[in-house]
Protein backbone atom coordinates (compact mmCIF):
# COMPACT_ATOMS: atom_id res chain seq x y z
CA MET A 1 -13.46 6.91 -5.48
CA ARG A 2 -12.87 6.25 -1.75
CA ARG A 3 -15.39 3.31 -0.50
CA THR A 4 -16.40 3.78 3.05
CA ILE A 5 -18.62 1.75 5.40
CA ALA A 6 -20.12 2.71 8.63
CA ALA A 7 -18.03 2.10 11.69
CA SER A 8 -18.81 2.28 15.52
CA PRO A 9 -17.59 5.66 17.08
CA GLU A 10 -15.44 3.62 19.40
CA ARG A 11 -13.45 2.27 16.72
CA ALA A 12 -10.06 3.71 16.48
CA ASP A 13 -9.83 4.69 12.65
CA PRO A 14 -8.45 7.61 10.53
CA ASP A 15 -11.87 9.11 10.08
CA ARG A 16 -13.24 8.78 13.58
CA GLN A 17 -15.03 12.08 13.35
CA THR A 18 -17.09 11.12 10.28
CA GLY A 19 -18.03 7.73 11.66
CA THR A 20 -16.55 5.84 8.65
CA LEU A 21 -13.87 3.39 8.09
CA ARG A 22 -11.32 4.24 5.41
CA THR A 23 -10.94 1.04 3.20
CA GLU A 24 -8.72 2.70 0.27
CA PHE A 25 -5.35 4.35 0.68
CA PRO A 26 -3.45 6.40 -2.05
CA PHE A 27 0.28 6.00 -2.42
CA GLU A 28 3.17 7.07 -4.45
CA LEU A 29 5.90 4.74 -5.35
CA PRO A 30 9.39 6.14 -4.92
CA ARG A 31 10.57 5.13 -8.51
CA GLY A 32 7.42 3.79 -10.47
CA TYR A 33 6.36 0.79 -12.52
CA VAL A 34 7.50 1.10 -16.04
CA ASP A 35 5.06 -0.52 -18.48
CA GLU A 36 6.07 -2.07 -22.07
CA SER A 37 5.70 1.27 -23.83
CA GLY A 38 7.94 2.97 -21.14
CA THR A 39 5.27 4.89 -19.39
CA VAL A 40 6.19 5.33 -15.63
CA HIS A 41 3.14 4.75 -13.28
CA ARG A 42 3.81 6.18 -9.75
CA ASP A 43 0.55 6.85 -8.23
CA GLY A 44 -1.91 4.21 -6.99
CA VAL A 45 -4.43 3.00 -4.72
CA MET A 46 -4.26 0.23 -2.08
CA ARG A 47 -7.39 -1.15 -0.49
CA LEU A 48 -7.51 -2.87 3.10
CA ALA A 49 -6.88 -6.67 2.87
CA THR A 50 -9.61 -9.26 3.68
CA ALA A 51 -8.91 -12.65 5.25
CA ARG A 52 -9.63 -14.10 1.79
CA ASP A 53 -6.86 -12.03 0.38
CA GLU A 54 -4.36 -13.43 2.94
CA LEU A 55 -5.59 -17.10 2.49
CA ILE A 56 -6.11 -17.42 -1.38
CA PRO A 57 -2.40 -16.91 -2.04
CA LEU A 58 -1.52 -20.06 0.02
CA ARG A 59 -3.16 -22.11 -2.44
CA ASP A 60 -1.07 -20.59 -5.29
CA ASP A 61 1.38 -23.18 -6.73
CA ARG A 62 4.05 -20.42 -7.02
CA VAL A 63 3.84 -19.64 -3.35
CA ARG A 64 3.88 -23.33 -2.36
CA GLU A 65 7.18 -23.61 -4.34
CA ASN A 66 8.71 -20.37 -3.13
CA SER A 67 7.24 -18.74 -0.12
CA ALA A 68 8.89 -15.42 -0.91
CA TYR A 69 6.38 -15.12 -3.74
CA LEU A 70 3.47 -14.71 -1.16
CA SER A 71 4.10 -10.98 -0.82
CA VAL A 72 3.95 -10.63 -4.54
CA VAL A 73 0.64 -12.28 -4.99
CA LEU A 74 -0.86 -10.55 -1.87
CA ILE A 75 0.25 -7.16 -3.06
CA SER A 76 -1.17 -7.84 -6.34
CA ARG A 77 -4.53 -8.56 -4.85
CA VAL A 78 -4.95 -5.47 -2.83
CA ILE A 79 -3.68 -2.79 -5.25
CA THR A 80 -6.64 -1.58 -7.00
CA ARG A 81 -4.79 0.98 -9.32
CA LEU A 82 -1.25 1.89 -10.39
CA GLY A 83 -1.15 5.02 -12.72
CA SER A 84 -3.67 4.27 -15.36
CA ILE A 85 -3.47 0.57 -14.93
CA GLU A 86 -6.51 -1.09 -13.16
CA ASP A 87 -5.87 -4.64 -13.72
CA ILE A 88 -3.02 -5.31 -11.24
CA HIS A 89 -1.62 -8.87 -11.36
CA PRO A 90 1.40 -10.67 -10.06
CA GLY A 91 3.39 -10.03 -13.30
CA ILE A 92 3.19 -6.35 -12.71
CA VAL A 93 4.30 -6.50 -9.27
CA GLU A 94 7.17 -8.93 -10.25
CA ASP A 95 8.51 -6.18 -12.51
CA LEU A 96 8.47 -3.40 -9.87
CA PHE A 97 11.85 -2.11 -8.73
CA ALA A 98 13.01 -3.64 -5.47
CA SER A 99 12.66 -0.36 -3.59
CA ASP A 100 9.00 -0.07 -4.67
CA LEU A 101 7.98 -3.59 -3.74
CA ALA A 102 9.73 -2.92 -0.11
CA PHE A 103 7.79 0.44 0.00
CA LEU A 104 4.39 -1.39 -0.73
CA GLN A 105 5.11 -4.24 1.65
CA ASP A 106 5.73 -1.49 4.34
CA PHE A 107 2.58 0.37 3.21
CA TYR A 108 0.50 -2.99 3.36
CA ARG A 109 1.60 -3.76 6.87
CA ARG A 110 0.95 -0.13 7.98
CA ILE A 111 -2.56 0.15 6.81
CA ASN A 112 -3.49 -3.50 7.68
CA ALA A 113 -1.77 -3.97 10.94
CA GLU A 114 -1.58 -0.37 12.25
CA GLY A 115 -4.49 1.11 10.66
CA HIS A 116 -2.93 4.34 9.19
CA THR A 117 -0.32 5.61 6.97
CA ARG A 118 1.61 7.66 9.38
CA ALA A 119 5.17 6.99 10.56
CA ALA A 120 7.00 8.28 13.56
CA VAL A 121 10.19 10.09 12.48
CA THR A 122 13.21 11.97 14.01
CA CYS A 123 14.66 15.05 12.47
CA PRO A 124 18.40 14.28 11.91
CA SER A 125 19.32 17.81 12.55
CA CYS A 126 17.39 19.03 15.46
CA GLN A 127 16.24 15.67 16.83
CA GLU A 128 12.53 16.61 16.91
CA ASN A 129 9.83 13.81 16.81
CA PHE A 130 7.11 14.18 14.30
CA ALA A 131 4.83 12.16 12.25
CA VAL A 132 4.77 12.01 8.24
CA ASP A 133 2.02 10.66 6.19
CA LEU A 134 3.32 7.98 3.72
CA SER A 135 0.25 7.89 1.53
CA GLY A 136 1.61 10.05 -1.11
CA GLY A 137 1.65 13.72 -1.88
CA GLY A 138 5.51 14.42 -1.60
CA ARG A 139 8.45 12.32 -2.15
CA LEU A 140 10.95 11.47 0.56
CA GLY A 141 13.25 14.65 1.40
CA GLU A 142 10.50 17.04 0.03
CA SER A 143 8.58 19.33 2.09
C-alpha cells in the first residue's frame, strides 16, 4: 500500500498531477538478500526518510565506533519491506551483498535528495540520452 499525503500544486514531486506526495518507492535488488533458509528476497519498499531517521543513528554506539555503520542503520530504518520480511533491522542490512548495499545507498540518495528514482543515462551504442526508472521492474540490461 502506497501512503500519500496532500501536497501543494507548486511542489515538484513525481505525482504532481494528482496533488499527492509519493512517500514509498518500490525497488528490486541486483542480487537479493538470502535468509537463513536460503530464500532470496529481491523486491522491497523504501520510504522517504525523516529528520528523525537521520538523527537517531548518530546516537547508536555502533555508529559512534565506526562512522561507516551509519548507512547500515539508516537504510534499515527506511526499508519497510524486503521480500516477505517486514521487520528490517541492521542485521539484515549487514548481510546484504555489497552490490545490493551500494544500490540501496544510491536509491536512498535519489529518493531523498533528488525526489525521484529516475537516472539520466546514455546509450553506449548510439550515444542517445534518456532516463530510466530505477525503482524496479526490469533488471539492468533488460528491456
